[in-house]
Amino acid sequence: MVTGRMRHLYRDPRSRRPRAPRVDCRMTEQEPVPGTHNQKPETRNQELEPTSPTFSSVHHVNLTVTDLETSAEWYERVLGLNPGWTMDDIEGRGRKIILLVPETDLRIVLSKHQANDGKPSSEFQTGLDHIAFTVRDRATLDAWCERLDQLDVPRSSIKEGATGWLITFRDPDNIQLELYTLAK
C-alpha cells in the first residue's frame, strides 16, 4: 500500500495559481488480490491513501509542430481525424488547430509556437516520448499496417510489446506514434 502525507502547498512565483501539493509516498508489501491485472502474483495493487480524486479520460493531447497546415493535413489523412476549429495566437502562445478523434471525446491539438526553433521532436529529450493509440485487436493492427503502407508512411514491423502487439511510426515533426492492442 502507498501511504501519502501532504507536505505543503506553495506558490509558483511566476503564477498566481498555487502549485499542486507534494506527496511523500512509501511502498509496503500486502497480500495478493486474485484476478488483478498486470501485477506480480506476490504483490497487491498499490493504492494512494487518502484516495486520490479520479479522472475519466484524456481530454486532449497538445503537440508542438513546425507547420500547422502540413501536420493537420497529415493527421487527417493518415489517422482519419476530423477538423475541429482553429485558435488564433494569444499572447505569443502560437496558433492552434484542433482535430477531433472520431467516436471519442479526445482532441488532438496542434500548436505552432512563435519561439519554436524548428528542430525535429526526439523522445531522447525531456518531454513527450510517444503517444500510443489503442486498437481493438491484431486484425485491426494488420489493417492499420495496410493503410500506412498504402499512404507511404514508414512504419515498424509488428512487434510484441509488454501487454499487446504494436507498430511505431512518426509524424512530419518526428513525433513517435504507436498503434497498440490491449492484449496479446
N, C-alpha and C. Protein backbone atom coordinates (compact mmCIF):
# COMPACT_ATOMS: atom_id res chain seq x y z
N MET A 1 0.85 -1.17 0.00
CA MET A 1 0.00 0.00 0.00
C MET A 1 0.90 1.23 0.00
N VAL A 2 0.47 2.26 -0.70
CA VAL A 2 1.20 3.52 -0.71
C VAL A 2 0.52 4.46 0.26
N THR A 3 1.27 5.01 1.16
CA THR A 3 0.68 5.98 2.07
C THR A 3 1.15 7.35 1.65
N GLY A 4 0.31 8.34 1.79
CA GLY A 4 0.68 9.67 1.35
C GLY A 4 0.47 10.67 2.46
N ARG A 5 1.35 11.63 2.55
CA ARG A 5 1.21 12.69 3.53
C ARG A 5 1.50 13.99 2.79
N MET A 6 0.56 14.91 2.82
CA MET A 6 0.75 16.19 2.16
C MET A 6 1.85 16.96 2.87
N ARG A 7 2.78 17.48 2.12
CA ARG A 7 3.83 18.27 2.74
C ARG A 7 3.36 19.72 2.87
N HIS A 8 3.18 20.41 1.78
CA HIS A 8 2.71 21.79 1.84
C HIS A 8 2.34 22.26 0.45
N LEU A 9 1.50 23.28 0.43
CA LEU A 9 1.19 23.98 -0.82
C LEU A 9 2.11 25.18 -0.89
N TYR A 10 2.62 25.47 -2.05
CA TYR A 10 3.41 26.68 -2.20
C TYR A 10 3.07 27.32 -3.52
N ARG A 11 3.36 28.56 -3.64
CA ARG A 11 3.03 29.31 -4.84
C ARG A 11 4.22 29.36 -5.78
N ASP A 12 3.92 29.22 -7.07
CA ASP A 12 4.92 29.43 -8.10
C ASP A 12 5.06 30.94 -8.24
N PRO A 13 6.25 31.50 -8.08
CA PRO A 13 6.40 32.96 -8.14
C PRO A 13 6.01 33.56 -9.49
N ARG A 14 5.98 32.76 -10.56
CA ARG A 14 5.61 33.27 -11.88
C ARG A 14 4.12 33.21 -12.12
N SER A 15 3.37 32.66 -11.21
CA SER A 15 1.95 32.46 -11.42
C SER A 15 1.16 32.85 -10.18
N ARG A 16 -0.10 33.15 -10.38
CA ARG A 16 -0.98 33.45 -9.25
C ARG A 16 -1.65 32.19 -8.73
N ARG A 17 -1.48 31.10 -9.45
CA ARG A 17 -2.13 29.85 -9.04
C ARG A 17 -1.24 29.07 -8.09
N PRO A 18 -1.82 28.44 -7.06
CA PRO A 18 -0.99 27.60 -6.18
C PRO A 18 -0.54 26.36 -6.94
N ARG A 19 0.62 25.86 -6.60
CA ARG A 19 1.11 24.64 -7.21
C ARG A 19 0.45 23.44 -6.56
N ALA A 20 0.51 22.33 -7.24
CA ALA A 20 -0.05 21.09 -6.70
C ALA A 20 0.72 20.68 -5.45
N PRO A 21 0.06 20.03 -4.51
CA PRO A 21 0.75 19.60 -3.30
C PRO A 21 1.75 18.50 -3.61
N ARG A 22 2.81 18.44 -2.84
CA ARG A 22 3.76 17.34 -2.95
C ARG A 22 3.31 16.23 -2.03
N VAL A 23 3.52 15.00 -2.44
CA VAL A 23 3.09 13.86 -1.64
C VAL A 23 4.30 12.99 -1.35
N ASP A 24 4.45 12.60 -0.08
CA ASP A 24 5.51 11.69 0.34
C ASP A 24 4.92 10.28 0.30
N CYS A 25 5.41 9.42 -0.59
CA CYS A 25 4.83 8.08 -0.76
C CYS A 25 5.84 7.01 -0.37
N ARG A 26 5.37 6.01 0.32
CA ARG A 26 6.20 4.87 0.69
C ARG A 26 5.46 3.59 0.37
N MET A 27 6.16 2.60 -0.19
CA MET A 27 5.57 1.34 -0.60
C MET A 27 5.73 0.31 0.51
N THR A 28 4.68 -0.47 0.74
CA THR A 28 4.77 -1.61 1.64
C THR A 28 4.11 -2.80 0.97
N GLU A 29 4.59 -4.00 1.25
CA GLU A 29 4.04 -5.21 0.66
C GLU A 29 2.71 -5.59 1.32
N GLN A 30 1.78 -6.13 0.55
CA GLN A 30 0.48 -6.57 1.04
C GLN A 30 0.18 -7.95 0.44
N GLU A 31 -0.91 -8.55 0.89
CA GLU A 31 -1.35 -9.83 0.36
C GLU A 31 -1.82 -9.67 -1.08
N PRO A 32 -1.65 -10.70 -1.94
CA PRO A 32 -2.10 -10.60 -3.34
C PRO A 32 -3.62 -10.55 -3.43
N VAL A 33 -4.09 -9.88 -4.47
CA VAL A 33 -5.52 -9.81 -4.75
C VAL A 33 -5.76 -10.62 -6.02
N PRO A 34 -6.51 -11.73 -5.93
CA PRO A 34 -6.72 -12.57 -7.11
C PRO A 34 -7.43 -11.79 -8.21
N GLY A 35 -7.02 -12.05 -9.46
CA GLY A 35 -7.71 -11.50 -10.62
C GLY A 35 -7.34 -10.08 -10.97
N THR A 36 -6.34 -9.50 -10.32
CA THR A 36 -5.97 -8.14 -10.69
C THR A 36 -5.07 -8.18 -11.91
N HIS A 37 -5.10 -7.12 -12.68
CA HIS A 37 -4.41 -7.06 -13.97
C HIS A 37 -2.98 -6.58 -13.82
N ASN A 38 -2.07 -7.22 -14.56
CA ASN A 38 -0.72 -6.70 -14.77
C ASN A 38 0.05 -6.51 -13.47
N GLN A 39 0.15 -7.53 -12.66
CA GLN A 39 0.89 -7.44 -11.41
C GLN A 39 1.62 -8.73 -11.14
N LYS A 40 2.61 -8.65 -10.28
CA LYS A 40 3.29 -9.85 -9.83
C LYS A 40 2.36 -10.57 -8.87
N PRO A 41 2.33 -11.92 -8.89
CA PRO A 41 1.41 -12.65 -8.02
C PRO A 41 1.61 -12.36 -6.54
N GLU A 42 2.84 -12.01 -6.13
CA GLU A 42 3.09 -11.83 -4.71
C GLU A 42 2.79 -10.41 -4.21
N THR A 43 2.35 -9.51 -5.08
CA THR A 43 2.03 -8.15 -4.64
C THR A 43 0.59 -7.81 -4.97
N ARG A 44 0.08 -6.83 -4.31
CA ARG A 44 -1.29 -6.39 -4.49
C ARG A 44 -1.28 -5.03 -5.18
N ASN A 45 -2.39 -4.66 -5.83
CA ASN A 45 -2.47 -3.33 -6.43
C ASN A 45 -2.14 -2.28 -5.39
N GLN A 46 -1.33 -1.33 -5.79
CA GLN A 46 -0.95 -0.25 -4.89
C GLN A 46 -2.01 0.85 -4.97
N GLU A 47 -2.38 1.40 -3.84
CA GLU A 47 -3.38 2.46 -3.79
C GLU A 47 -2.82 3.64 -3.02
N LEU A 48 -3.31 4.83 -3.35
CA LEU A 48 -2.93 6.02 -2.61
C LEU A 48 -3.87 6.21 -1.44
N GLU A 49 -3.34 6.56 -0.29
CA GLU A 49 -4.16 6.91 0.86
C GLU A 49 -3.75 8.31 1.27
N PRO A 50 -4.60 9.26 1.41
CA PRO A 50 -6.03 9.14 1.16
C PRO A 50 -6.30 8.97 -0.33
N THR A 51 -7.49 8.49 -0.65
CA THR A 51 -7.85 8.20 -2.03
C THR A 51 -7.70 9.44 -2.89
N SER A 52 -7.04 9.29 -4.01
CA SER A 52 -6.86 10.40 -4.95
C SER A 52 -8.15 10.66 -5.70
N PRO A 53 -8.40 11.92 -6.08
CA PRO A 53 -9.53 12.17 -6.98
C PRO A 53 -9.26 11.43 -8.29
N THR A 54 -10.28 11.13 -9.03
CA THR A 54 -10.11 10.39 -10.29
C THR A 54 -10.33 11.30 -11.48
N PHE A 55 -9.94 10.82 -12.63
CA PHE A 55 -10.29 11.47 -13.89
C PHE A 55 -10.85 10.40 -14.80
N SER A 56 -11.69 10.80 -15.75
CA SER A 56 -12.41 9.82 -16.55
C SER A 56 -11.71 9.45 -17.85
N SER A 57 -10.94 10.36 -18.43
CA SER A 57 -10.24 10.06 -19.67
C SER A 57 -9.28 11.20 -19.99
N VAL A 58 -8.63 11.11 -21.13
CA VAL A 58 -7.76 12.18 -21.59
C VAL A 58 -8.61 13.17 -22.39
N HIS A 59 -8.55 14.45 -22.04
CA HIS A 59 -9.33 15.48 -22.73
C HIS A 59 -8.71 15.84 -24.07
N HIS A 60 -7.40 16.14 -24.07
CA HIS A 60 -6.71 16.45 -25.31
C HIS A 60 -5.22 16.20 -25.15
N VAL A 61 -4.57 16.06 -26.29
CA VAL A 61 -3.12 15.99 -26.36
C VAL A 61 -2.69 17.15 -27.23
N ASN A 62 -1.77 17.97 -26.75
CA ASN A 62 -1.33 19.15 -27.48
C ASN A 62 0.09 18.90 -27.97
N LEU A 63 0.28 18.91 -29.28
CA LEU A 63 1.58 18.64 -29.89
C LEU A 63 2.12 19.91 -30.52
N THR A 64 3.37 20.23 -30.25
CA THR A 64 4.02 21.36 -30.89
C THR A 64 4.55 20.91 -32.25
N VAL A 65 4.20 21.65 -33.28
CA VAL A 65 4.60 21.30 -34.65
C VAL A 65 5.27 22.49 -35.31
N THR A 66 5.97 22.24 -36.41
CA THR A 66 6.65 23.32 -37.12
C THR A 66 5.79 23.93 -38.23
N ASP A 67 4.83 23.16 -38.75
CA ASP A 67 3.96 23.65 -39.84
C ASP A 67 2.55 23.15 -39.56
N LEU A 68 1.67 24.05 -39.12
CA LEU A 68 0.31 23.66 -38.74
C LEU A 68 -0.45 22.99 -39.87
N GLU A 69 -0.45 23.60 -41.04
CA GLU A 69 -1.26 23.07 -42.14
C GLU A 69 -0.76 21.71 -42.60
N THR A 70 0.56 21.55 -42.71
CA THR A 70 1.13 20.25 -43.11
C THR A 70 0.78 19.17 -42.10
N SER A 71 0.93 19.48 -40.81
CA SER A 71 0.64 18.49 -39.77
C SER A 71 -0.84 18.17 -39.71
N ALA A 72 -1.70 19.18 -39.81
CA ALA A 72 -3.15 18.94 -39.77
C ALA A 72 -3.57 18.04 -40.93
N GLU A 73 -3.07 18.33 -42.12
CA GLU A 73 -3.40 17.50 -43.29
C GLU A 73 -2.92 16.07 -43.07
N TRP A 74 -1.73 15.87 -42.50
CA TRP A 74 -1.18 14.55 -42.27
C TRP A 74 -2.04 13.78 -41.27
N TYR A 75 -2.39 14.39 -40.15
CA TYR A 75 -3.20 13.69 -39.13
C TYR A 75 -4.60 13.37 -39.66
N GLU A 76 -5.16 14.26 -40.47
CA GLU A 76 -6.48 13.97 -41.06
C GLU A 76 -6.38 12.82 -42.06
N ARG A 77 -5.38 12.87 -42.94
CA ARG A 77 -5.23 11.86 -43.99
C ARG A 77 -4.80 10.51 -43.43
N VAL A 78 -3.82 10.51 -42.55
CA VAL A 78 -3.24 9.25 -42.07
C VAL A 78 -4.07 8.62 -40.96
N LEU A 79 -4.45 9.39 -39.96
CA LEU A 79 -5.18 8.83 -38.82
C LEU A 79 -6.69 8.99 -38.92
N GLY A 80 -7.16 9.69 -39.94
CA GLY A 80 -8.60 9.85 -40.10
C GLY A 80 -9.24 10.80 -39.11
N LEU A 81 -8.46 11.76 -38.58
CA LEU A 81 -9.02 12.72 -37.64
C LEU A 81 -9.88 13.74 -38.39
N ASN A 82 -10.84 14.29 -37.69
CA ASN A 82 -11.75 15.27 -38.29
C ASN A 82 -11.32 16.68 -37.91
N PRO A 83 -11.45 17.63 -38.85
CA PRO A 83 -11.14 19.02 -38.50
C PRO A 83 -12.09 19.50 -37.41
N GLY A 84 -11.59 20.24 -36.47
CA GLY A 84 -12.40 20.82 -35.42
C GLY A 84 -12.50 22.31 -35.62
N TRP A 85 -11.58 23.06 -35.04
CA TRP A 85 -11.58 24.51 -35.17
C TRP A 85 -10.15 25.00 -35.02
N THR A 86 -9.95 26.30 -35.25
CA THR A 86 -8.63 26.90 -35.08
C THR A 86 -8.71 27.95 -33.97
N MET A 87 -7.56 28.23 -33.40
CA MET A 87 -7.45 29.27 -32.37
C MET A 87 -6.31 30.20 -32.77
N ASP A 88 -6.57 31.49 -32.70
CA ASP A 88 -5.55 32.48 -33.03
C ASP A 88 -4.48 32.53 -31.95
N ASP A 89 -3.34 33.11 -32.32
CA ASP A 89 -2.25 33.31 -31.38
C ASP A 89 -2.71 34.27 -30.28
N ILE A 90 -2.58 33.85 -29.04
CA ILE A 90 -2.92 34.69 -27.90
C ILE A 90 -1.67 34.85 -27.05
N GLU A 91 -1.22 36.07 -26.89
CA GLU A 91 -0.06 36.39 -26.06
C GLU A 91 1.19 35.61 -26.45
N GLY A 92 1.39 35.41 -27.74
CA GLY A 92 2.59 34.74 -28.22
C GLY A 92 2.63 33.25 -28.01
N ARG A 93 1.51 32.63 -27.66
CA ARG A 93 1.46 31.19 -27.42
C ARG A 93 1.34 30.40 -28.71
N GLY A 94 1.07 31.06 -29.81
CA GLY A 94 1.02 30.39 -31.10
C GLY A 94 -0.39 30.04 -31.53
N ARG A 95 -0.54 29.85 -32.84
CA ARG A 95 -1.81 29.40 -33.41
C ARG A 95 -2.00 27.93 -33.11
N LYS A 96 -3.28 27.50 -33.12
CA LYS A 96 -3.60 26.11 -32.85
C LYS A 96 -4.66 25.62 -33.84
N ILE A 97 -4.54 24.37 -34.20
CA ILE A 97 -5.58 23.67 -34.95
C ILE A 97 -6.02 22.49 -34.10
N ILE A 98 -7.32 22.39 -33.88
CA ILE A 98 -7.85 21.30 -33.06
C ILE A 98 -8.47 20.27 -33.99
N LEU A 99 -8.03 19.01 -33.81
CA LEU A 99 -8.55 17.88 -34.59
C LEU A 99 -9.32 16.97 -33.65
N LEU A 100 -10.37 16.36 -34.15
CA LEU A 100 -11.23 15.51 -33.34
C LEU A 100 -11.04 14.05 -33.71
N VAL A 101 -10.89 13.21 -32.70
CA VAL A 101 -10.77 11.77 -32.92
C VAL A 101 -12.19 11.21 -33.02
N PRO A 102 -12.55 10.63 -34.18
CA PRO A 102 -13.92 10.15 -34.38
C PRO A 102 -14.39 9.20 -33.28
N GLU A 103 -15.65 9.33 -32.92
CA GLU A 103 -16.33 8.46 -31.96
C GLU A 103 -15.72 8.49 -30.56
N THR A 104 -14.97 9.56 -30.24
CA THR A 104 -14.42 9.75 -28.90
C THR A 104 -14.53 11.22 -28.53
N ASP A 105 -14.19 11.52 -27.29
CA ASP A 105 -14.12 12.91 -26.84
C ASP A 105 -12.71 13.48 -26.97
N LEU A 106 -11.75 12.66 -27.41
CA LEU A 106 -10.35 13.07 -27.47
C LEU A 106 -10.12 14.09 -28.59
N ARG A 107 -9.36 15.10 -28.27
CA ARG A 107 -8.94 16.11 -29.23
C ARG A 107 -7.42 16.06 -29.36
N ILE A 108 -6.93 16.19 -30.57
CA ILE A 108 -5.50 16.35 -30.81
C ILE A 108 -5.32 17.81 -31.20
N VAL A 109 -4.57 18.54 -30.39
CA VAL A 109 -4.33 19.96 -30.63
C VAL A 109 -2.93 20.10 -31.22
N LEU A 110 -2.83 20.78 -32.35
CA LEU A 110 -1.54 21.07 -32.97
C LEU A 110 -1.24 22.53 -32.72
N SER A 111 -0.07 22.84 -32.17
CA SER A 111 0.30 24.21 -31.83
C SER A 111 1.57 24.61 -32.56
N LYS A 112 1.56 25.81 -33.12
CA LYS A 112 2.76 26.39 -33.76
C LYS A 112 3.17 27.58 -32.90
N HIS A 113 4.15 27.35 -32.02
CA HIS A 113 4.63 28.39 -31.11
C HIS A 113 5.61 29.30 -31.84
N GLN A 114 5.52 30.58 -31.57
CA GLN A 114 6.43 31.55 -32.21
C GLN A 114 7.89 31.27 -31.88
N ALA A 115 8.15 30.78 -30.68
CA ALA A 115 9.53 30.54 -30.25
C ALA A 115 10.06 29.17 -30.68
N ASN A 116 9.30 28.41 -31.46
CA ASN A 116 9.74 27.08 -31.90
C ASN A 116 11.00 27.22 -32.73
N ASP A 117 12.06 26.49 -32.36
CA ASP A 117 13.33 26.57 -33.08
C ASP A 117 13.36 25.70 -34.33
N GLY A 118 12.30 24.94 -34.60
CA GLY A 118 12.21 24.15 -35.82
C GLY A 118 12.92 22.82 -35.78
N LYS A 119 13.51 22.46 -34.65
CA LYS A 119 14.20 21.17 -34.55
C LYS A 119 13.16 20.06 -34.50
N PRO A 120 13.47 18.89 -35.08
CA PRO A 120 12.52 17.77 -35.01
C PRO A 120 12.39 17.25 -33.58
N SER A 121 11.25 16.69 -33.28
CA SER A 121 10.98 16.10 -31.97
C SER A 121 11.89 14.91 -31.74
N SER A 122 12.21 14.66 -30.48
CA SER A 122 13.01 13.48 -30.13
C SER A 122 12.56 12.95 -28.78
N GLU A 123 12.33 11.67 -28.71
CA GLU A 123 11.97 11.04 -27.44
C GLU A 123 13.15 10.96 -26.49
N PHE A 124 14.33 11.35 -26.96
CA PHE A 124 15.52 11.30 -26.11
C PHE A 124 15.75 12.62 -25.38
N GLN A 125 14.82 13.57 -25.53
CA GLN A 125 14.87 14.82 -24.78
C GLN A 125 13.73 14.81 -23.78
N THR A 126 13.85 15.58 -22.74
CA THR A 126 12.79 15.66 -21.74
C THR A 126 11.51 16.13 -22.39
N GLY A 127 10.42 15.48 -22.04
CA GLY A 127 9.11 15.81 -22.61
C GLY A 127 8.43 14.55 -23.10
N LEU A 128 7.65 14.69 -24.12
CA LEU A 128 6.88 13.58 -24.67
C LEU A 128 7.79 12.51 -25.26
N ASP A 129 7.58 11.27 -24.89
CA ASP A 129 8.32 10.16 -25.51
C ASP A 129 7.55 9.68 -26.74
N HIS A 130 6.29 9.33 -26.57
CA HIS A 130 5.46 8.91 -27.70
C HIS A 130 4.00 8.90 -27.26
N ILE A 131 3.11 8.75 -28.22
CA ILE A 131 1.69 8.57 -27.94
C ILE A 131 1.30 7.22 -28.51
N ALA A 132 0.63 6.40 -27.71
CA ALA A 132 0.17 5.09 -28.15
C ALA A 132 -1.36 5.11 -28.22
N PHE A 133 -1.90 4.88 -29.40
CA PHE A 133 -3.34 4.79 -29.59
C PHE A 133 -3.75 3.33 -29.52
N THR A 134 -4.84 3.04 -28.84
CA THR A 134 -5.34 1.68 -28.69
C THR A 134 -6.08 1.25 -29.95
N VAL A 135 -5.79 0.03 -30.40
CA VAL A 135 -6.59 -0.61 -31.46
C VAL A 135 -7.18 -1.89 -30.88
N ARG A 136 -8.30 -2.31 -31.44
CA ARG A 136 -9.09 -3.40 -30.86
C ARG A 136 -8.33 -4.72 -30.75
N ASP A 137 -7.67 -5.14 -31.84
CA ASP A 137 -7.06 -6.47 -31.84
C ASP A 137 -5.99 -6.55 -32.93
N ARG A 138 -5.40 -7.74 -33.07
CA ARG A 138 -4.33 -7.94 -34.05
C ARG A 138 -4.83 -7.73 -35.48
N ALA A 139 -6.05 -8.13 -35.77
CA ALA A 139 -6.60 -7.94 -37.13
C ALA A 139 -6.71 -6.45 -37.45
N THR A 140 -7.12 -5.65 -36.47
CA THR A 140 -7.20 -4.20 -36.68
C THR A 140 -5.81 -3.62 -36.87
N LEU A 141 -4.85 -4.11 -36.12
CA LEU A 141 -3.47 -3.65 -36.29
C LEU A 141 -2.97 -3.99 -37.69
N ASP A 142 -3.30 -5.19 -38.18
CA ASP A 142 -2.93 -5.57 -39.55
C ASP A 142 -3.55 -4.61 -40.56
N ALA A 143 -4.80 -4.22 -40.35
CA ALA A 143 -5.47 -3.28 -41.25
C ALA A 143 -4.77 -1.92 -41.24
N TRP A 144 -4.33 -1.49 -40.06
CA TRP A 144 -3.59 -0.23 -39.98
C TRP A 144 -2.26 -0.34 -40.73
N CYS A 145 -1.60 -1.48 -40.65
CA CYS A 145 -0.35 -1.67 -41.40
C CYS A 145 -0.60 -1.48 -42.89
N GLU A 146 -1.67 -2.08 -43.39
CA GLU A 146 -2.01 -1.92 -44.80
C GLU A 146 -2.28 -0.46 -45.14
N ARG A 147 -3.03 0.23 -44.29
CA ARG A 147 -3.34 1.64 -44.54
C ARG A 147 -2.07 2.49 -44.58
N LEU A 148 -1.20 2.33 -43.60
CA LEU A 148 0.04 3.11 -43.57
C LEU A 148 0.90 2.80 -44.80
N ASP A 149 0.95 1.54 -45.20
CA ASP A 149 1.71 1.17 -46.41
C ASP A 149 1.12 1.84 -47.64
N GLN A 150 -0.21 1.85 -47.77
CA GLN A 150 -0.87 2.49 -48.92
C GLN A 150 -0.58 3.99 -48.98
N LEU A 151 -0.43 4.60 -47.80
CA LEU A 151 -0.17 6.04 -47.73
C LEU A 151 1.32 6.37 -47.71
N ASP A 152 2.16 5.34 -47.90
CA ASP A 152 3.62 5.51 -47.89
C ASP A 152 4.14 6.14 -46.60
N VAL A 153 3.55 5.75 -45.47
CA VAL A 153 4.02 6.21 -44.17
C VAL A 153 4.97 5.13 -43.63
N PRO A 154 6.24 5.45 -43.48
CA PRO A 154 7.17 4.44 -42.94
C PRO A 154 6.74 3.99 -41.54
N ARG A 155 6.86 2.69 -41.29
CA ARG A 155 6.43 2.12 -40.01
C ARG A 155 7.34 0.96 -39.65
N SER A 156 7.24 0.55 -38.39
CA SER A 156 7.96 -0.63 -37.95
C SER A 156 7.17 -1.87 -38.37
N SER A 157 7.81 -3.01 -38.23
CA SER A 157 7.06 -4.25 -38.35
C SER A 157 6.25 -4.42 -37.07
N ILE A 158 5.32 -5.35 -37.06
CA ILE A 158 4.54 -5.61 -35.85
C ILE A 158 5.48 -6.22 -34.80
N LYS A 159 5.44 -5.64 -33.61
CA LYS A 159 6.30 -6.09 -32.51
C LYS A 159 5.42 -6.57 -31.36
N GLU A 160 5.97 -7.47 -30.58
CA GLU A 160 5.29 -7.90 -29.37
C GLU A 160 5.71 -6.98 -28.23
N GLY A 161 4.75 -6.27 -27.65
CA GLY A 161 5.04 -5.38 -26.53
C GLY A 161 4.76 -6.08 -25.21
N ALA A 162 4.86 -5.33 -24.15
CA ALA A 162 4.65 -5.89 -22.81
C ALA A 162 3.22 -6.37 -22.61
N THR A 163 2.24 -5.67 -23.20
CA THR A 163 0.83 -6.02 -22.96
C THR A 163 0.05 -6.25 -24.24
N GLY A 164 0.68 -6.15 -25.40
CA GLY A 164 -0.04 -6.34 -26.65
C GLY A 164 0.90 -6.27 -27.84
N TRP A 165 0.31 -6.19 -29.02
CA TRP A 165 1.07 -6.07 -30.27
C TRP A 165 1.07 -4.60 -30.68
N LEU A 166 2.16 -4.14 -31.33
CA LEU A 166 2.23 -2.73 -31.68
C LEU A 166 3.05 -2.48 -32.92
N ILE A 167 2.81 -1.31 -33.51
CA ILE A 167 3.67 -0.77 -34.56
C ILE A 167 3.99 0.67 -34.18
N THR A 168 5.14 1.15 -34.65
CA THR A 168 5.52 2.54 -34.44
C THR A 168 5.71 3.23 -35.78
N PHE A 169 5.44 4.52 -35.79
CA PHE A 169 5.67 5.37 -36.97
C PHE A 169 5.79 6.79 -36.48
N ARG A 170 6.09 7.73 -37.37
CA ARG A 170 6.35 9.11 -36.95
C ARG A 170 5.57 10.10 -37.79
N ASP A 171 5.21 11.22 -37.15
CA ASP A 171 4.50 12.28 -37.86
C ASP A 171 5.51 13.18 -38.56
N PRO A 172 5.07 14.22 -39.27
CA PRO A 172 6.02 15.08 -40.01
C PRO A 172 7.07 15.77 -39.14
N ASP A 173 6.82 15.92 -37.84
CA ASP A 173 7.80 16.54 -36.94
C ASP A 173 8.59 15.51 -36.14
N ASN A 174 8.52 14.25 -36.57
CA ASN A 174 9.27 13.15 -35.96
C ASN A 174 8.71 12.71 -34.61
N ILE A 175 7.48 13.11 -34.27
CA ILE A 175 6.86 12.65 -33.03
C ILE A 175 6.50 11.18 -33.21
N GLN A 176 6.97 10.33 -32.29
CA GLN A 176 6.70 8.90 -32.41
C GLN A 176 5.28 8.59 -31.99
N LEU A 177 4.59 7.84 -32.84
CA LEU A 177 3.24 7.39 -32.58
C LEU A 177 3.22 5.87 -32.60
N GLU A 178 2.34 5.29 -31.81
CA GLU A 178 2.17 3.83 -31.80
C GLU A 178 0.71 3.49 -31.94
N LEU A 179 0.46 2.34 -32.55
CA LEU A 179 -0.85 1.70 -32.54
C LEU A 179 -0.64 0.41 -31.77
N TYR A 180 -1.43 0.20 -30.72
CA TYR A 180 -1.14 -0.84 -29.73
C TYR A 180 -2.42 -1.59 -29.38
N THR A 181 -2.37 -2.93 -29.40
CA THR A 181 -3.53 -3.71 -28.98
C THR A 181 -3.57 -3.79 -27.46
N LEU A 182 -4.75 -3.97 -26.89
CA LEU A 182 -4.86 -4.07 -25.43
C LEU A 182 -4.36 -5.40 -24.89
N ALA A 183 -4.40 -6.43 -25.71
CA ALA A 183 -3.99 -7.75 -25.25
C ALA A 183 -3.27 -8.49 -26.37
N LYS A 184 -2.57 -9.56 -25.99
CA LYS A 184 -1.85 -10.38 -26.98
C LYS A 184 -2.75 -11.47 -27.49
